[in-house]
């Protein structure tokens, strides 16, 4: 049965750990879909360390934009994270918020159309102060609108606060 879970919160709030714990409780062989663009060797090494930490029971997939090209039917998949995924849309589309949001929503819908358990990790970047940088403000808007979209489709939303999960939505 299809299930969408959104785990949100601030930086270092425990979102990824909670998503991984939940996935391992639901499956012996979950999928970890990393959305980050690997910019340099230091980041590539960081990715390797994260993969090794998760262990051999995980299937690791690196996918920057086209999540739906991977058929996750019947699987439990952690998508980490929406913020980095949106960054890829944002920069690919010349910082055009409307186009990026439209494409991200369409890709989200295509990806989650299959019968699987999807655990999305995202950031609440709009919870802090307002940036004096126009591009950062535009991206914050994009992130907030996409978070709202995913939350509206989610069966469950968890807000992580200092490592403590707070149930926001449950069905």
Protein backbone atom coordinates (compact mmCIF):
# COMPACT_ATOMS: atom_id res chain seq x y z
CA UNK A 1 0.00 0.00 0.00
CA UNK A 2 1.38 3.41 -0.99
CA UNK A 3 2.47 5.56 1.92
CA UNK A 4 4.17 8.97 1.96
CA UNK A 5 5.96 10.22 5.07
CA UNK A 6 7.56 13.67 5.31
CA UNK A 7 10.20 14.31 7.95
CA UNK A 8 11.08 17.97 8.35
CA UNK A 9 13.04 20.16 10.71
CA UNK A 10 16.07 22.37 11.07
CA UNK A 11 19.68 21.59 10.30
CA UNK A 12 21.08 18.77 12.48
CA UNK A 13 17.69 18.16 14.09
CA UNK A 14 17.86 14.39 13.56
CA UNK A 15 15.79 14.15 10.36
CA UNK A 16 17.99 11.70 8.44
CA UNK A 17 18.58 9.46 11.45
CA UNK A 18 14.84 9.29 12.09
CA UNK A 19 14.15 8.49 8.42
CA UNK A 20 16.75 5.71 8.41
CA UNK A 21 15.44 4.26 11.68
CA UNK A 22 11.88 4.28 10.36
CA UNK A 23 12.94 2.67 7.06
CA UNK A 24 14.81 -0.12 8.87
CA UNK A 25 11.74 -0.76 11.04
CA UNK A 26 9.67 -1.17 7.87
CA UNK A 27 12.11 -3.15 5.71
CA UNK A 28 15.16 -5.39 5.95
CA UNK A 29 16.52 -3.92 2.73
CA UNK A 30 15.45 -0.30 2.31
CA UNK A 31 16.56 2.06 -0.45
CA UNK A 32 18.44 5.27 0.21
CA UNK A 33 18.01 7.77 -2.61
CA UNK A 34 20.50 10.61 -2.28
CA UNK A 35 19.66 13.74 -4.27
CA UNK A 36 22.83 15.76 -3.75
CA UNK A 37 24.97 16.93 -6.63
CA UNK A 38 28.55 15.85 -5.89
CA UNK A 39 30.55 19.03 -6.46
CA UNK A 40 34.06 17.91 -5.45
CA UNK A 41 36.19 15.10 -4.05
CA UNK A 42 35.61 16.13 -0.43
CA UNK A 43 31.86 15.76 -0.92
CA UNK A 44 32.34 12.47 -2.77
CA UNK A 45 34.23 11.15 0.26
CA UNK A 46 31.42 12.33 2.52
CA UNK A 47 28.96 10.33 0.38
CA UNK A 48 31.17 7.22 0.69
CA UNK A 49 31.28 7.57 4.49
CA UNK A 50 27.50 7.89 4.66
CA UNK A 51 27.01 4.82 2.48
CA UNK A 52 29.42 2.78 4.61
CA UNK A 53 27.68 3.94 7.82
CA UNK A 54 24.32 2.74 6.54
CA UNK A 55 25.66 -0.72 5.83
CA UNK A 56 25.08 -3.47 3.27
CA UNK A 57 21.33 -3.89 3.88
CA UNK A 58 20.73 -0.57 2.10
CA UNK A 59 20.44 -0.13 -1.66
CA UNK A 60 22.07 3.24 -2.42
CA UNK A 61 20.94 5.30 -5.40
CA UNK A 62 22.34 8.69 -6.40
CA UNK A 63 19.72 10.69 -8.32
CA UNK A 64 19.85 14.46 -8.66
CA UNK A 65 16.52 15.19 -10.41
CA UNK A 66 14.71 12.30 -12.12
CA UNK A 67 13.56 10.23 -9.16
CA UNK A 68 10.79 8.63 -11.22
CA UNK A 69 13.22 6.82 -13.50
CA UNK A 70 13.75 4.43 -10.58
CA UNK A 71 10.85 2.04 -9.99
CA UNK A 72 10.49 1.65 -6.23
CA UNK A 73 7.35 -0.52 -6.35
CA UNK A 74 7.10 -2.59 -3.19
CA UNK A 75 10.13 -0.94 -1.59
CA UNK A 76 10.73 1.38 1.35
CA UNK A 77 12.75 4.35 0.14
CA UNK A 78 14.31 7.28 1.98
CA UNK A 79 14.72 10.35 -0.21
CA UNK A 80 17.36 12.58 1.35
CA UNK A 81 16.79 15.35 0.80
CA UNK A 82 14.13 17.54 -0.80
CA UNK A 83 16.24 20.68 -0.27
CA UNK A 84 19.18 19.38 -2.30
CA UNK A 85 16.79 17.96 -4.91
CA UNK A 86 15.12 21.37 -5.29
CA UNK A 87 18.52 23.04 -5.53
CA UNK A 88 19.18 20.94 -8.63
CA UNK A 89 15.90 22.11 -10.23
CA UNK A 90 16.53 25.72 -9.19
CA UNK A 91 19.99 25.97 -10.74
CA UNK A 92 19.08 23.93 -13.82
CA UNK A 93 16.23 26.39 -14.50
CA UNK A 94 18.19 29.64 -13.99
CA UNK A 95 16.69 30.26 -10.53
CA UNK A 96 13.16 30.36 -11.96
CA UNK A 97 10.97 29.54 -8.95
CA UNK A 98 7.72 28.95 -10.86
CA UNK A 99 9.28 26.63 -13.42
CA UNK A 100 11.29 24.77 -10.78
CA UNK A 101 8.21 24.28 -8.60
CA UNK A 102 6.11 23.06 -11.54
CA UNK A 103 8.77 20.56 -12.60
CA UNK A 104 9.44 19.36 -9.05
CA UNK A 105 5.72 18.79 -8.38
CA UNK A 106 5.35 16.83 -11.63
CA UNK A 107 8.41 14.71 -10.82
CA UNK A 108 7.18 14.12 -7.26
CA UNK A 109 3.79 12.98 -8.58
CA UNK A 110 5.36 10.66 -11.17
CA UNK A 111 7.76 9.18 -8.62
CA UNK A 112 5.15 8.58 -5.92
CA UNK A 113 2.55 7.14 -8.28
CA UNK A 114 3.88 3.63 -7.64
CA UNK A 115 2.91 1.44 -4.68
CA UNK A 116 5.78 1.95 -2.24
CA UNK A 117 6.64 3.60 1.08
CA UNK A 118 8.31 6.96 0.51
CA UNK A 119 10.09 8.73 3.36
CA UNK A 120 11.06 12.25 2.30
CA UNK A 121 13.54 14.28 4.35
CA UNK A 122 13.36 18.06 4.03
CA UNK A 123 14.48 21.24 5.76
CA UNK A 124 12.52 24.07 7.30
CA UNK A 125 14.84 26.72 5.92
CA UNK A 126 12.18 29.43 6.21
CA UNK A 127 12.05 29.17 9.99
CA UNK A 128 15.05 31.43 10.48
CA UNK A 129 15.60 35.06 9.61
CA UNK A 130 14.97 36.54 6.18
CA UNK A 131 18.07 36.64 3.99
CA UNK A 132 19.28 39.88 2.45
CA UNK A 133 20.10 37.88 -0.70
CA UNK A 134 17.34 37.82 -3.35
CA UNK A 135 18.32 34.39 -4.71
CA UNK A 136 18.25 32.89 -1.22
CA UNK A 137 14.81 34.40 -0.58
CA UNK A 138 13.53 32.95 -3.86
CA UNK A 139 14.89 29.51 -3.01
CA UNK A 140 13.35 29.71 0.48
CA UNK A 141 9.98 30.40 -1.15
CA UNK A 142 10.45 27.43 -3.51
CA UNK A 143 11.38 25.18 -0.58
CA UNK A 144 8.40 26.30 1.50
CA UNK A 145 5.90 25.78 -1.32
CA UNK A 146 7.30 22.33 -2.17
CA UNK A 147 7.25 21.32 1.50
CA UNK A 148 3.59 22.34 1.64
CA UNK A 149 2.86 20.33 -1.50
CA UNK A 150 4.53 17.18 -0.18
CA UNK A 151 2.88 17.60 3.24
CA UNK A 152 -0.53 17.88 1.55
CA UNK A 153 0.09 14.52 -0.16
CA UNK A 154 1.69 12.87 2.87
CA UNK A 155 -0.01 10.34 5.10
CA UNK A 156 2.27 11.37 7.93
CA UNK A 157 4.39 14.45 8.73
CA UNK A 158 7.00 14.44 11.48
CA UNK A 159 8.77 17.58 12.71
CA UNK A 160 12.15 16.91 14.29
CA UNK A 161 13.05 19.25 17.15
CA UNK A 162 16.44 18.70 18.81
CA UNK A 163 16.34 14.99 17.97
CA UNK A 164 12.77 14.57 19.19
CA UNK A 165 10.07 13.60 16.68
CA UNK A 166 6.86 15.62 16.92
CA UNK A 167 3.88 14.18 15.04
CA UNK A 168 2.32 16.93 12.91
CA UNK A 169 0.03 14.85 10.69
CA UNK A 170 -1.08 11.25 10.94
CA UNK A 171 -3.68 9.21 9.08
